[in-house]
């Protein structure tokens, strides 16, 4: 009896150690990490019609290359049509796709009156939309107290209402077919238990997405509509060049510095493709120390909040610059 008990305890300890080691070297949550090793490959998505917004740069651009290599039929959307055609040309070199397998649909998320028409064009061409990836959005850098309410409103229009509008336009087709998958690219700063200091408007908009789409997940479960929330941490991209500040119409400008600890967009896109293929509910994609912060906020929220609040704003701003607490 003692030997059997010791064997059980020993096995538990070994499993815990292995999981701890996996967590230490991870650049994503453990469920996603497991899916990359033992789950479905993005190649299982071959032939699916996948619509990606914000496809002209950053995570969106890298993601469509991943999907193109898997043989997915694609709809590319962003505001800059010439950039979308550049991305389409590159997609055609990534996988077994023909020109008619990739559709360019210029789209401004703020111009919600155009979304229904865009959906009609896609359905006319492809007959169905299997997966919608809501990736388009803008970041922000400013102190909470100094941020104009106009900036808050514009951030909500861009990151939240635009996403809701396009999703609502796509859903009827999915519901009629009783099959569909909505993917939302949020942020670690959008986790309900995490706040991103000096980005109140941005973090608030991402938090809002979680509230809306968690409700959608439950309401549409019986219609076989899946929802995946993707929460990337710091990623190298051109977001800073158009990131909002505290004043409407003003942008941060500049580029991210090579010395910052950020993930390559190609790696983020690769992990996102795995999350989509495996229809995971929520995934965290980030390197340490941000990934460790997410786990601490998730499982030790009160303790972690107190420790973060005790840190000086100067120290948090320095950390924000060198590590980044959200994209």
C-alpha atoms as a PDB file:
ATOM      1  CA  UNK A   1       0.000   0.000   0.000  1.00  0.00           C
ATOM      2  CA  UNK A   2       2.822   2.370   0.936  1.00  0.00           C
ATOM      3  CA  UNK A   3       4.677   1.634  -2.313  1.00  0.00           C
ATOM      4  CA  UNK A   4       1.544   2.312  -4.352  1.00  0.00           C
ATOM      5  CA  UNK A   5       0.955   5.596  -2.516  1.00  0.00           C
ATOM      6  CA  UNK A   6       4.582   6.616  -3.034  1.00  0.00           C
ATOM      7  CA  UNK A   7       4.290   5.782  -6.720  1.00  0.00           C
ATOM      8  CA  UNK A   8       1.216   8.008  -7.071  1.00  0.00           C
ATOM      9  CA  UNK A   9       2.888  10.887  -5.214  1.00  0.00           C
ATOM     10  CA  UNK A  10       6.037  10.476  -7.263  1.00  0.00           C
ATOM     11  CA  UNK A  11       4.047  10.519 -10.495  1.00  0.00           C
ATOM     12  CA  UNK A  12       2.217  13.682  -9.456  1.00  0.00           C
ATOM     13  CA  UNK A  13       5.502  15.395  -8.597  1.00  0.00           C
ATOM     14  CA  UNK A  14       7.028  14.419 -11.941  1.00  0.00           C
ATOM     15  CA  UNK A  15       3.994  15.731 -13.846  1.00  0.00           C
ATOM     16  CA  UNK A  16       4.092  19.004 -11.892  1.00  0.00           C
ATOM     17  CA  UNK A  17       7.802  19.450 -12.582  1.00  0.00           C
ATOM     18  CA  UNK A  18       7.311  18.777 -16.288  1.00  0.00           C
ATOM     19  CA  UNK A  19       4.438  21.268 -16.446  1.00  0.00           C
ATOM     20  CA  UNK A  20       6.523  23.850 -14.594  1.00  0.00           C
ATOM     21  CA  UNK A  21       9.413  23.399 -17.017  1.00  0.00           C
ATOM     22  CA  UNK A  22       7.001  23.710 -19.951  1.00  0.00           C
ATOM     23  CA  UNK A  23       5.661  26.925 -18.489  1.00  0.00           C
ATOM     24  CA  UNK A  24       9.135  28.376 -17.938  1.00  0.00           C
ATOM     25  CA  UNK A  25      10.137  27.934 -21.583  1.00  0.00           C
ATOM     26  CA  UNK A  26       6.667  28.655 -23.025  1.00  0.00           C
ATOM     27  CA  UNK A  27       5.653  31.545 -25.256  1.00  0.00           C
ATOM     28  CA  UNK A  28       1.944  30.731 -24.937  1.00  0.00           C
ATOM     29  CA  UNK A  29      -0.464  29.193 -22.439  1.00  0.00           C
ATOM     30  CA  UNK A  30      -0.145  25.495 -21.670  1.00  0.00           C
ATOM     31  CA  UNK A  31      -3.314  24.456 -23.535  1.00  0.00           C
ATOM     32  CA  UNK A  32      -2.137  26.118 -26.741  1.00  0.00           C
ATOM     33  CA  UNK A  33       1.352  24.733 -26.192  1.00  0.00           C
ATOM     34  CA  UNK A  34      -0.161  21.247 -25.952  1.00  0.00           C
ATOM     35  CA  UNK A  35      -2.207  21.854 -29.115  1.00  0.00           C
ATOM     36  CA  UNK A  36       0.939  22.773 -31.069  1.00  0.00           C
ATOM     37  CA  UNK A  37       2.419  19.384 -30.194  1.00  0.00           C
ATOM     38  CA  UNK A  38      -0.576  17.045 -30.215  1.00  0.00           C
ATOM     39  CA  UNK A  39      -3.517  18.980 -31.656  1.00  0.00           C
ATOM     40  CA  UNK A  40      -4.764  19.582 -35.179  1.00  0.00           C
ATOM     41  CA  UNK A  41      -2.478  21.240 -37.699  1.00  0.00           C
ATOM     42  CA  UNK A  42      -3.658  24.395 -39.523  1.00  0.00           C
ATOM     43  CA  UNK A  43      -3.592  22.210 -42.643  1.00  0.00           C
ATOM     44  CA  UNK A  44      -6.954  20.815 -41.490  1.00  0.00           C
ATOM     45  CA  UNK A  45      -8.385  24.206 -42.512  1.00  0.00           C
ATOM     46  CA  UNK A  46      -7.617  23.593 -46.192  1.00  0.00           C
ATOM     47  CA  UNK A  47     -10.437  24.808 -48.424  1.00  0.00           C
ATOM     48  CA  UNK A  48     -12.109  26.863 -45.666  1.00  0.00           C
ATOM     49  CA  UNK A  49     -13.139  30.423 -46.499  1.00  0.00           C
ATOM     50  CA  UNK A  50     -11.427  32.623 -43.917  1.00  0.00           C
ATOM     51  CA  UNK A  51     -11.943  36.395 -43.747  1.00  0.00           C
ATOM     52  CA  UNK A  52      -9.152  38.309 -42.006  1.00  0.00           C
ATOM     53  CA  UNK A  53      -9.478  42.014 -41.188  1.00  0.00           C
ATOM     54  CA  UNK A  54      -6.389  44.131 -40.607  1.00  0.00           C
ATOM     55  CA  UNK A  55      -4.666  41.901 -43.174  1.00  0.00           C
ATOM     56  CA  UNK A  56      -2.332  44.514 -44.621  1.00  0.00           C
ATOM     57  CA  UNK A  57       0.244  44.502 -41.817  1.00  0.00           C
ATOM     58  CA  UNK A  58       1.332  43.039 -38.493  1.00  0.00           C
ATOM     59  CA  UNK A  59      -0.312  39.924 -37.079  1.00  0.00           C
ATOM     60  CA  UNK A  60      -3.017  39.946 -39.745  1.00  0.00           C
ATOM     61  CA  UNK A  61      -0.534  39.916 -42.615  1.00  0.00           C
ATOM     62  CA  UNK A  62       1.528  37.113 -41.084  1.00  0.00           C
ATOM     63  CA  UNK A  63      -1.619  35.133 -40.306  1.00  0.00           C
ATOM     64  CA  UNK A  64      -2.886  35.142 -43.897  1.00  0.00           C
ATOM     65  CA  UNK A  65       0.490  33.790 -45.039  1.00  0.00           C
ATOM     66  CA  UNK A  66       0.067  30.925 -42.567  1.00  0.00           C
ATOM     67  CA  UNK A  67      -3.452  30.269 -43.791  1.00  0.00           C
ATOM     68  CA  UNK A  68      -2.445  30.512 -47.429  1.00  0.00           C
ATOM     69  CA  UNK A  69       0.254  27.879 -46.904  1.00  0.00           C
ATOM     70  CA  UNK A  70      -2.442  25.636 -45.398  1.00  0.00           C
ATOM     71  CA  UNK A  71      -4.554  26.003 -48.555  1.00  0.00           C
ATOM     72  CA  UNK A  72      -7.308  28.206 -47.122  1.00  0.00           C
ATOM     73  CA  UNK A  73      -9.385  30.416 -49.397  1.00  0.00           C
ATOM     74  CA  UNK A  74      -8.975  33.965 -48.155  1.00  0.00           C
ATOM     75  CA  UNK A  75     -10.724  37.306 -47.900  1.00  0.00           C
ATOM     76  CA  UNK A  76      -8.288  40.131 -47.129  1.00  0.00           C
ATOM     77  CA  UNK A  77      -9.560  43.371 -45.620  1.00  0.00           C
ATOM     78  CA  UNK A  78      -7.973  46.604 -44.448  1.00  0.00           C
ATOM     79  CA  UNK A  79      -8.193  50.263 -45.385  1.00  0.00           C
ATOM     80  CA  UNK A  80      -5.209  50.340 -47.768  1.00  0.00           C
ATOM     81  CA  UNK A  81      -6.181  48.501 -50.949  1.00  0.00           C
ATOM     82  CA  UNK A  82      -2.713  48.676 -52.511  1.00  0.00           C
ATOM     83  CA  UNK A  83      -1.221  46.943 -49.474  1.00  0.00           C
ATOM     84  CA  UNK A  84      -3.855  44.233 -49.651  1.00  0.00           C
ATOM     85  CA  UNK A  85      -2.903  43.481 -53.250  1.00  0.00           C
ATOM     86  CA  UNK A  86       0.738  43.252 -52.174  1.00  0.00           C
ATOM     87  CA  UNK A  87      -0.238  40.742 -49.484  1.00  0.00           C
ATOM     88  CA  UNK A  88      -2.393  38.794 -51.953  1.00  0.00           C
ATOM     89  CA  UNK A  89       0.535  38.510 -54.352  1.00  0.00           C
ATOM     90  CA  UNK A  90       2.681  37.103 -51.562  1.00  0.00           C
ATOM     91  CA  UNK A  91      -0.069  34.673 -50.510  1.00  0.00           C
ATOM     92  CA  UNK A  92      -0.112  33.188 -54.006  1.00  0.00           C
ATOM     93  CA  UNK A  93       3.527  32.153 -53.495  1.00  0.00           C
ATOM     94  CA  UNK A  94       2.849  30.554 -50.094  1.00  0.00           C
ATOM     95  CA  UNK A  95       0.538  27.704 -51.006  1.00  0.00           C
ATOM     96  CA  UNK A  96      -1.618  25.921 -53.605  1.00  0.00           C
ATOM     97  CA  UNK A  97      -3.915  28.881 -54.259  1.00  0.00           C
ATOM     98  CA  UNK A  98      -5.171  30.423 -57.482  1.00  0.00           C
ATOM     99  CA  UNK A  99      -6.046  34.076 -58.034  1.00  0.00           C
ATOM    100  CA  UNK A 100      -9.766  33.397 -57.532  1.00  0.00           C
ATOM    101  CA  UNK A 101      -9.058  31.797 -54.137  1.00  0.00           C
ATOM    102  CA  UNK A 102      -8.058  35.152 -52.633  1.00  0.00           C
ATOM    103  CA  UNK A 103     -10.458  38.081 -52.544  1.00  0.00           C
ATOM    104  CA  UNK A 104      -9.421  41.640 -51.685  1.00  0.00           C
ATOM    105  CA  UNK A 105     -12.166  43.610 -49.932  1.00  0.00           C
ATOM    106  CA  UNK A 106     -11.052  47.084 -48.757  1.00  0.00           C
ATOM    107  CA  UNK A 107     -12.836  47.884 -45.512  1.00  0.00           C
ATOM    108  CA  UNK A 108     -12.814  50.588 -42.866  1.00  0.00           C
ATOM    109  CA  UNK A 109     -14.067  49.199 -39.546  1.00  0.00           C
ATOM    110  CA  UNK A 110     -15.465  52.611 -38.581  1.00  0.00           C
ATOM    111  CA  UNK A 111     -17.649  52.818 -41.712  1.00  0.00           C
ATOM    112  CA  UNK A 112     -20.196  50.334 -40.431  1.00  0.00           C
ATOM    113  CA  UNK A 113     -22.749  51.188 -43.119  1.00  0.00           C
ATOM    114  CA  UNK A 114     -20.453  49.489 -45.661  1.00  0.00           C
ATOM    115  CA  UNK A 115     -20.127  46.168 -43.809  1.00  0.00           C
ATOM    116  CA  UNK A 116     -23.320  44.499 -45.049  1.00  0.00           C
ATOM    117  CA  UNK A 117     -22.414  45.274 -48.653  1.00  0.00           C
ATOM    118  CA  UNK A 118     -18.933  43.818 -48.126  1.00  0.00           C
ATOM    119  CA  UNK A 119     -20.445  40.616 -46.742  1.00  0.00           C
ATOM    120  CA  UNK A 120     -22.735  40.337 -49.774  1.00  0.00           C
ATOM    121  CA  UNK A 121     -19.717  40.604 -52.104  1.00  0.00           C
ATOM    122  CA  UNK A 122     -17.887  37.848 -50.251  1.00  0.00           C
ATOM    123  CA  UNK A 123     -20.906  35.534 -50.224  1.00  0.00           C
ATOM    124  CA  UNK A 124     -21.473  36.140 -53.924  1.00  0.00           C
ATOM    125  CA  UNK A 125     -17.894  35.106 -54.644  1.00  0.00           C
ATOM    126  CA  UNK A 126     -17.346  32.243 -52.182  1.00  0.00           C
ATOM    127  CA  UNK A 127     -20.972  31.298 -51.345  1.00  0.00           C
ATOM    128  CA  UNK A 128     -20.107  31.009 -47.641  1.00  0.00           C
ATOM    129  CA  UNK A 129     -17.864  32.341 -44.866  1.00  0.00           C
ATOM    130  CA  UNK A 130     -16.451  29.634 -42.619  1.00  0.00           C
ATOM    131  CA  UNK A 131     -14.265  31.693 -40.297  1.00  0.00           C
ATOM    132  CA  UNK A 132     -14.140  35.428 -39.549  1.00  0.00           C
ATOM    133  CA  UNK A 133     -10.935  36.698 -37.936  1.00  0.00           C
ATOM    134  CA  UNK A 134     -11.554  40.103 -36.349  1.00  0.00           C
ATOM    135  CA  UNK A 135      -7.989  41.383 -36.229  1.00  0.00           C
ATOM    136  CA  UNK A 136      -8.291  45.048 -37.250  1.00  0.00           C
ATOM    137  CA  UNK A 137      -7.757  47.624 -34.519  1.00  0.00           C
ATOM    138  CA  UNK A 138      -5.595  50.406 -33.118  1.00  0.00           C
ATOM    139  CA  UNK A 139      -3.449  50.767 -30.025  1.00  0.00           C
ATOM    140  CA  UNK A 140      -3.049  53.752 -27.694  1.00  0.00           C
ATOM    141  CA  UNK A 141      -0.511  55.313 -25.329  1.00  0.00           C
ATOM    142  CA  UNK A 142      -1.641  57.963 -22.828  1.00  0.00           C
ATOM    143  CA  UNK A 143      -2.357  58.524 -19.157  1.00  0.00           C
ATOM    144  CA  UNK A 144      -5.956  57.708 -18.196  1.00  0.00           C
ATOM    145  CA  UNK A 145      -6.718  61.089 -16.612  1.00  0.00           C
ATOM    146  CA  UNK A 146      -5.400  63.091 -19.576  1.00  0.00           C
ATOM    147  CA  UNK A 147      -7.168  61.104 -22.294  1.00  0.00           C
ATOM    148  CA  UNK A 148      -9.955  62.970 -24.061  1.00  0.00           C
ATOM    149  CA  UNK A 149     -13.377  61.358 -24.090  1.00  0.00           C
ATOM    150  CA  UNK A 150     -13.230  61.786 -27.865  1.00  0.00           C
ATOM    151  CA  UNK A 151     -10.286  59.377 -27.948  1.00  0.00           C
ATOM    152  CA  UNK A 152     -12.233  56.900 -25.804  1.00  0.00           C
ATOM    153  CA  UNK A 153     -15.155  57.155 -28.217  1.00  0.00           C
ATOM    154  CA  UNK A 154     -12.970  56.719 -31.317  1.00  0.00           C
ATOM    155  CA  UNK A 155     -11.233  53.706 -29.766  1.00  0.00           C
ATOM    156  CA  UNK A 156     -14.581  52.057 -29.050  1.00  0.00           C
ATOM    157  CA  UNK A 157     -15.796  52.787 -32.588  1.00  0.00           C
ATOM    158  CA  UNK A 158     -12.669  51.248 -34.118  1.00  0.00           C
ATOM    159  CA  UNK A 159     -11.866  48.308 -31.844  1.00  0.00           C
ATOM    160  CA  UNK A 160     -15.325  47.337 -30.618  1.00  0.00           C
ATOM    161  CA  UNK A 161     -18.299  48.632 -32.604  1.00  0.00           C
ATOM    162  CA  UNK A 162     -16.619  48.008 -35.962  1.00  0.00           C
ATOM    163  CA  UNK A 163     -15.873  44.434 -34.932  1.00  0.00           C
ATOM    164  CA  UNK A 164     -19.416  43.914 -33.677  1.00  0.00           C
ATOM    165  CA  UNK A 165     -20.882  45.387 -36.853  1.00  0.00           C
ATOM    166  CA  UNK A 166     -18.961  43.095 -39.209  1.00  0.00           C
ATOM    167  CA  UNK A 167     -19.616  40.050 -37.033  1.00  0.00           C
ATOM    168  CA  UNK A 168     -23.355  40.768 -36.927  1.00  0.00           C
ATOM    169  CA  UNK A 169     -23.333  41.031 -40.728  1.00  0.00           C
ATOM    170  CA  UNK A 170     -21.531  37.687 -41.123  1.00  0.00           C
ATOM    171  CA  UNK A 171     -23.445  35.679 -38.501  1.00  0.00           C
ATOM    172  CA  UNK A 172     -26.741  35.116 -40.414  1.00  0.00           C
ATOM    173  CA  UNK A 173     -24.952  33.025 -43.047  1.00  0.00           C
ATOM    174  CA  UNK A 174     -23.238  30.966 -40.345  1.00  0.00           C
ATOM    175  CA  UNK A 175     -26.467  30.479 -38.413  1.00  0.00           C
ATOM    176  CA  UNK A 176     -28.347  29.401 -41.551  1.00  0.00           C
ATOM    177  CA  UNK A 177     -25.669  26.761 -42.200  1.00  0.00           C
ATOM    178  CA  UNK A 178     -25.364  25.965 -38.469  1.00  0.00           C
ATOM    179  CA  UNK A 179     -21.606  26.167 -38.804  1.00  0.00           C
ATOM    180  CA  UNK A 180     -19.137  28.969 -38.216  1.00  0.00           C
ATOM    181  CA  UNK A 181     -16.183  30.214 -36.250  1.00  0.00           C
ATOM    182  CA  UNK A 182     -15.611  33.756 -34.973  1.00  0.00           C
ATOM    183  CA  UNK A 183     -12.044  34.637 -33.991  1.00  0.00           C
ATOM    184  CA  UNK A 184     -11.302  37.861 -32.119  1.00  0.00           C
ATOM    185  CA  UNK A 185      -7.748  39.163 -31.737  1.00  0.00           C
ATOM    186  CA  UNK A 186      -7.857  40.850 -28.346  1.00  0.00           C
ATOM    187  CA  UNK A 187      -4.779  41.453 -26.159  1.00  0.00           C
ATOM    188  CA  UNK A 188      -3.295  40.385 -22.857  1.00  0.00           C
ATOM    189  CA  UNK A 189      -4.325  43.896 -21.847  1.00  0.00           C
ATOM    190  CA  UNK A 190      -7.897  42.880 -22.589  1.00  0.00           C
ATOM    191  CA  UNK A 191      -7.992  40.067 -20.074  1.00  0.00           C
ATOM    192  CA  UNK A 192     -10.660  40.783 -17.469  1.00  0.00           C
ATOM    193  CA  UNK A 193      -8.139  40.403 -14.634  1.00  0.00           C
ATOM    194  CA  UNK A 194      -5.373  42.433 -16.287  1.00  0.00           C
ATOM    195  CA  UNK A 195      -5.061  46.175 -16.804  1.00  0.00           C
ATOM    196  CA  UNK A 196      -2.560  47.854 -19.116  1.00  0.00           C
ATOM    197  CA  UNK A 197      -1.383  51.110 -17.488  1.00  0.00           C
ATOM    198  CA  UNK A 198      -0.963  54.075 -19.824  1.00  0.00           C
ATOM    199  CA  UNK A 199      -3.414  52.489 -22.293  1.00  0.00           C
ATOM    200  CA  UNK A 200      -6.773  52.867 -20.614  1.00  0.00           C
ATOM    201  CA  UNK A 201      -8.797  53.405 -23.787  1.00  0.00           C
ATOM    202  CA  UNK A 202      -7.101  50.521 -25.573  1.00  0.00           C
ATOM    203  CA  UNK A 203      -7.406  48.113 -22.630  1.00  0.00           C
ATOM    204  CA  UNK A 204     -11.026  49.135 -22.083  1.00  0.00           C
ATOM    205  CA  UNK A 205     -11.909  48.414 -25.708  1.00  0.00           C
ATOM    206  CA  UNK A 206     -10.290  44.977 -25.527  1.00  0.00           C
ATOM    207  CA  UNK A 207     -12.042  44.168 -22.236  1.00  0.00           C
ATOM    208  CA  UNK A 208     -15.320  45.060 -23.939  1.00  0.00           C
ATOM    209  CA  UNK A 209     -14.676  42.547 -26.701  1.00  0.00           C
ATOM    210  CA  UNK A 210     -14.381  39.749 -24.144  1.00  0.00           C
ATOM    211  CA  UNK A 211     -17.719  40.673 -22.600  1.00  0.00           C
ATOM    212  CA  UNK A 212     -19.558  40.778 -25.914  1.00  0.00           C
ATOM    213  CA  UNK A 213     -18.064  37.671 -27.459  1.00  0.00           C
ATOM    214  CA  UNK A 214     -18.252  35.502 -24.351  1.00  0.00           C
ATOM    215  CA  UNK A 215     -22.011  36.136 -24.488  1.00  0.00           C
ATOM    216  CA  UNK A 216     -22.063  35.244 -28.180  1.00  0.00           C
ATOM    217  CA  UNK A 217     -20.238  31.992 -27.442  1.00  0.00           C
ATOM    218  CA  UNK A 218     -22.999  30.843 -25.091  1.00  0.00           C
ATOM    219  CA  UNK A 219     -25.929  32.120 -27.138  1.00  0.00           C
ATOM    220  CA  UNK A 220     -24.786  30.507 -30.400  1.00  0.00           C
ATOM    221  CA  UNK A 221     -23.457  27.221 -29.015  1.00  0.00           C
ATOM    222  CA  UNK A 222     -26.570  25.374 -30.153  1.00  0.00           C
ATOM    223  CA  UNK A 223     -26.023  26.724 -33.683  1.00  0.00           C
ATOM    224  CA  UNK A 224     -22.506  25.276 -33.747  1.00  0.00           C
ATOM    225  CA  UNK A 225     -20.904  28.740 -33.822  1.00  0.00           C
ATOM    226  CA  UNK A 226     -17.486  28.671 -32.149  1.00  0.00           C
ATOM    227  CA  UNK A 227     -15.697  31.695 -30.627  1.00  0.00           C
ATOM    228  CA  UNK A 228     -11.941  31.964 -30.098  1.00  0.00           C
ATOM    229  CA  UNK A 229     -10.416  34.866 -28.157  1.00  0.00           C
ATOM    230  CA  UNK A 230      -6.742  35.403 -29.031  1.00  0.00           C
ATOM    231  CA  UNK A 231      -4.755  37.437 -26.486  1.00  0.00           C
ATOM    232  CA  UNK A 232      -1.304  38.378 -27.816  1.00  0.00           C
ATOM    233  CA  UNK A 233       1.275  40.117 -25.677  1.00  0.00           C
ATOM    234  CA  UNK A 234       3.988  42.402 -27.046  1.00  0.00           C
ATOM    235  CA  UNK A 235       4.516  41.759 -30.772  1.00  0.00           C
ATOM    236  CA  UNK A 236       6.745  43.558 -33.270  1.00  0.00           C
ATOM    237  CA  UNK A 237       4.503  45.472 -35.679  1.00  0.00           C
ATOM    238  CA  UNK A 238       3.800  48.922 -37.087  1.00  0.00           C
ATOM    239  CA  UNK A 239       1.002  49.612 -34.554  1.00  0.00           C
ATOM    240  CA  UNK A 240       2.922  52.395 -32.833  1.00  0.00           C
ATOM    241  CA  UNK A 241       2.989  54.512 -35.991  1.00  0.00           C
ATOM    242  CA  UNK A 242      -0.804  54.954 -35.815  1.00  0.00           C
ATOM    243  CA  UNK A 243      -1.370  54.417 -32.083  1.00  0.00           C
ATOM    244  CA  UNK A 244      -3.657  57.029 -30.547  1.00  0.00           C
ATOM    245  CA  UNK A 245      -2.564  59.334 -27.731  1.00  0.00           C
ATOM    246  CA  UNK A 246      -4.601  61.426 -25.295  1.00  0.00           C
ATOM    247  CA  UNK A 247      -5.709  63.848 -28.010  1.00  0.00           C
ATOM    248  CA  UNK A 248      -8.031  63.041 -30.932  1.00  0.00           C
ATOM    249  CA  UNK A 249      -6.215  63.068 -34.261  1.00  0.00           C
ATOM    250  CA  UNK A 250      -2.771  62.813 -32.675  1.00  0.00           C
ATOM    251  CA  UNK A 251      -0.675  59.631 -33.030  1.00  0.00           C
ATOM    252  CA  UNK A 252       2.379  58.288 -31.214  1.00  0.00           C
ATOM    253  CA  UNK A 253       4.378  57.789 -34.412  1.00  0.00           C
ATOM    254  CA  UNK A 254       7.788  56.175 -34.598  1.00  0.00           C
ATOM    255  CA  UNK A 255       8.696  52.508 -34.627  1.00  0.00           C
ATOM    256  CA  UNK A 256       9.259  49.783 -32.067  1.00  0.00           C
ATOM    257  CA  UNK A 257      12.885  49.399 -31.040  1.00  0.00           C
ATOM    258  CA  UNK A 258      14.836  46.199 -31.817  1.00  0.00           C
ATOM    259  CA  UNK A 259      15.910  45.964 -28.170  1.00  0.00           C
ATOM    260  CA  UNK A 260      12.347  45.586 -26.907  1.00  0.00           C
ATOM    261  CA  UNK A 261      11.322  42.111 -25.769  1.00  0.00           C
ATOM    262  CA  UNK A 262       8.589  41.365 -28.270  1.00  0.00           C
ATOM    263  CA  UNK A 263       7.479  38.312 -30.224  1.00  0.00           C
ATOM    264  CA  UNK A 264       7.888  38.106 -33.990  1.00  0.00           C
ATOM    265  CA  UNK A 265       4.575  38.464 -35.814  1.00  0.00           C
ATOM    266  CA  UNK A 266       5.288  35.248 -37.700  1.00  0.00           C
ATOM    267  CA  UNK A 267       5.432  33.265 -34.436  1.00  0.00           C
ATOM    268  CA  UNK A 268       2.287  34.934 -33.108  1.00  0.00           C
ATOM    269  CA  UNK A 269       0.507  34.139 -36.379  1.00  0.00           C
ATOM    270  CA  UNK A 270       1.669  30.520 -36.305  1.00  0.00           C
ATOM    271  CA  UNK A 271       0.263  30.036 -32.791  1.00  0.00           C
ATOM    272  CA  UNK A 272      -2.952  31.832 -33.741  1.00  0.00           C
ATOM    273  CA  UNK A 273      -3.418  29.476 -36.701  1.00  0.00           C
ATOM    274  CA  UNK A 274      -3.094  26.504 -34.327  1.00  0.00           C
ATOM    275  CA  UNK A 275      -5.676  28.062 -31.995  1.00  0.00           C
ATOM    276  CA  UNK A 276      -8.078  28.472 -34.918  1.00  0.00           C
ATOM    277  CA  UNK A 277      -7.515  24.929 -36.187  1.00  0.00           C
ATOM    278  CA  UNK A 278      -8.242  23.503 -32.734  1.00  0.00           C
ATOM    279  CA  UNK A 279     -11.139  25.906 -32.025  1.00  0.00           C
ATOM    280  CA  UNK A 280      -9.680  26.832 -28.639  1.00  0.00           C
ATOM    281  CA  UNK A 281     -11.841  29.125 -26.490  1.00  0.00           C
ATOM    282  CA  UNK A 282      -9.124  31.532 -25.355  1.00  0.00           C
ATOM    283  CA  UNK A 283      -5.371  31.600 -25.855  1.00  0.00           C
ATOM    284  CA  UNK A 284      -2.543  33.685 -24.398  1.00  0.00           C
ATOM    285  CA  UNK A 285       0.390  34.311 -26.722  1.00  0.00           C
ATOM    286  CA  UNK A 286       3.380  36.017 -25.159  1.00  0.00           C
ATOM    287  CA  UNK A 287       6.925  35.545 -23.978  1.00  0.00           C
ATOM    288  CA  UNK A 288       7.984  35.980 -20.375  1.00  0.00           C
ATOM    289  CA  UNK A 289       7.784  38.029 -18.213  1.00  0.00           C
ATOM    290  CA  UNK A 290       4.382  39.082 -19.599  1.00  0.00           C
ATOM    291  CA  UNK A 291       3.137  35.485 -19.788  1.00  0.00           C
ATOM    292  CA  UNK A 292       4.039  35.022 -16.119  1.00  0.00           C
ATOM    293  CA  UNK A 293       2.125  38.213 -15.280  1.00  0.00           C
ATOM    294  CA  UNK A 294      -0.993  36.800 -16.988  1.00  0.00           C
ATOM    295  CA  UNK A 295      -0.836  33.635 -14.906  1.00  0.00           C
ATOM    296  CA  UNK A 296      -0.327  35.639 -11.718  1.00  0.00           C
ATOM    297  CA  UNK A 297      -3.260  37.939 -12.517  1.00  0.00           C
ATOM    298  CA  UNK A 298      -5.401  34.915 -13.402  1.00  0.00           C
ATOM    299  CA  UNK A 299      -4.714  32.794 -10.319  1.00  0.00           C
ATOM    300  CA  UNK A 300      -3.499  35.307  -7.719  1.00  0.00           C
ATOM    301  CA  UNK A 301      -5.435  38.435  -8.762  1.00  0.00           C
ATOM    302  CA  UNK A 302      -5.598  40.296  -5.436  1.00  0.00           C
ATOM    303  CA  UNK A 303      -1.939  39.724  -4.573  1.00  0.00           C
ATOM    304  CA  UNK A 304      -0.739  40.652  -8.067  1.00  0.00           C
ATOM    305  CA  UNK A 305      -2.884  43.781  -8.260  1.00  0.00           C
ATOM    306  CA  UNK A 306      -1.480  45.012  -4.949  1.00  0.00           C
ATOM    307  CA  UNK A 307       2.098  44.429  -6.060  1.00  0.00           C
ATOM    308  CA  UNK A 308       1.586  46.180  -9.399  1.00  0.00           C
ATOM    309  CA  UNK A 309      -0.144  49.140  -7.735  1.00  0.00           C
ATOM    310  CA  UNK A 310       2.799  49.513  -5.342  1.00  0.00           C
ATOM    311  CA  UNK A 311       5.191  49.905  -8.252  1.00  0.00           C
ATOM    312  CA  UNK A 312       5.879  53.504  -9.205  1.00  0.00           C
ATOM    313  CA  UNK A 313       4.422  54.848 -12.436  1.00  0.00           C
ATOM    314  CA  UNK A 314       7.945  55.690 -13.585  1.00  0.00           C
ATOM    315  CA  UNK A 315       8.962  52.056 -13.183  1.00  0.00           C
ATOM    316  CA  UNK A 316       5.824  50.839 -14.961  1.00  0.00           C
ATOM    317  CA  UNK A 317       6.439  53.232 -17.845  1.00  0.00           C
ATOM    318  CA  UNK A 318      10.029  52.014 -18.116  1.00  0.00           C
ATOM    319  CA  UNK A 319       8.809  48.427 -18.132  1.00  0.00           C
ATOM    320  CA  UNK A 320       6.228  49.368 -20.747  1.00  0.00           C
ATOM    321  CA  UNK A 321       8.952  50.703 -22.970  1.00  0.00           C
ATOM    322  CA  UNK A 322      11.370  47.796 -22.642  1.00  0.00           C
ATOM    323  CA  UNK A 323       8.920  44.894 -22.361  1.00  0.00           C
ATOM    324  CA  UNK A 324       5.479  46.154 -23.337  1.00  0.00           C
ATOM    325  CA  UNK A 325       2.354  45.235 -21.377  1.00  0.00           C
ATOM    326  CA  UNK A 326       0.196  44.980 -24.483  1.00  0.00           C
ATOM    327  CA  UNK A 327       0.786  45.191 -28.265  1.00  0.00           C
END
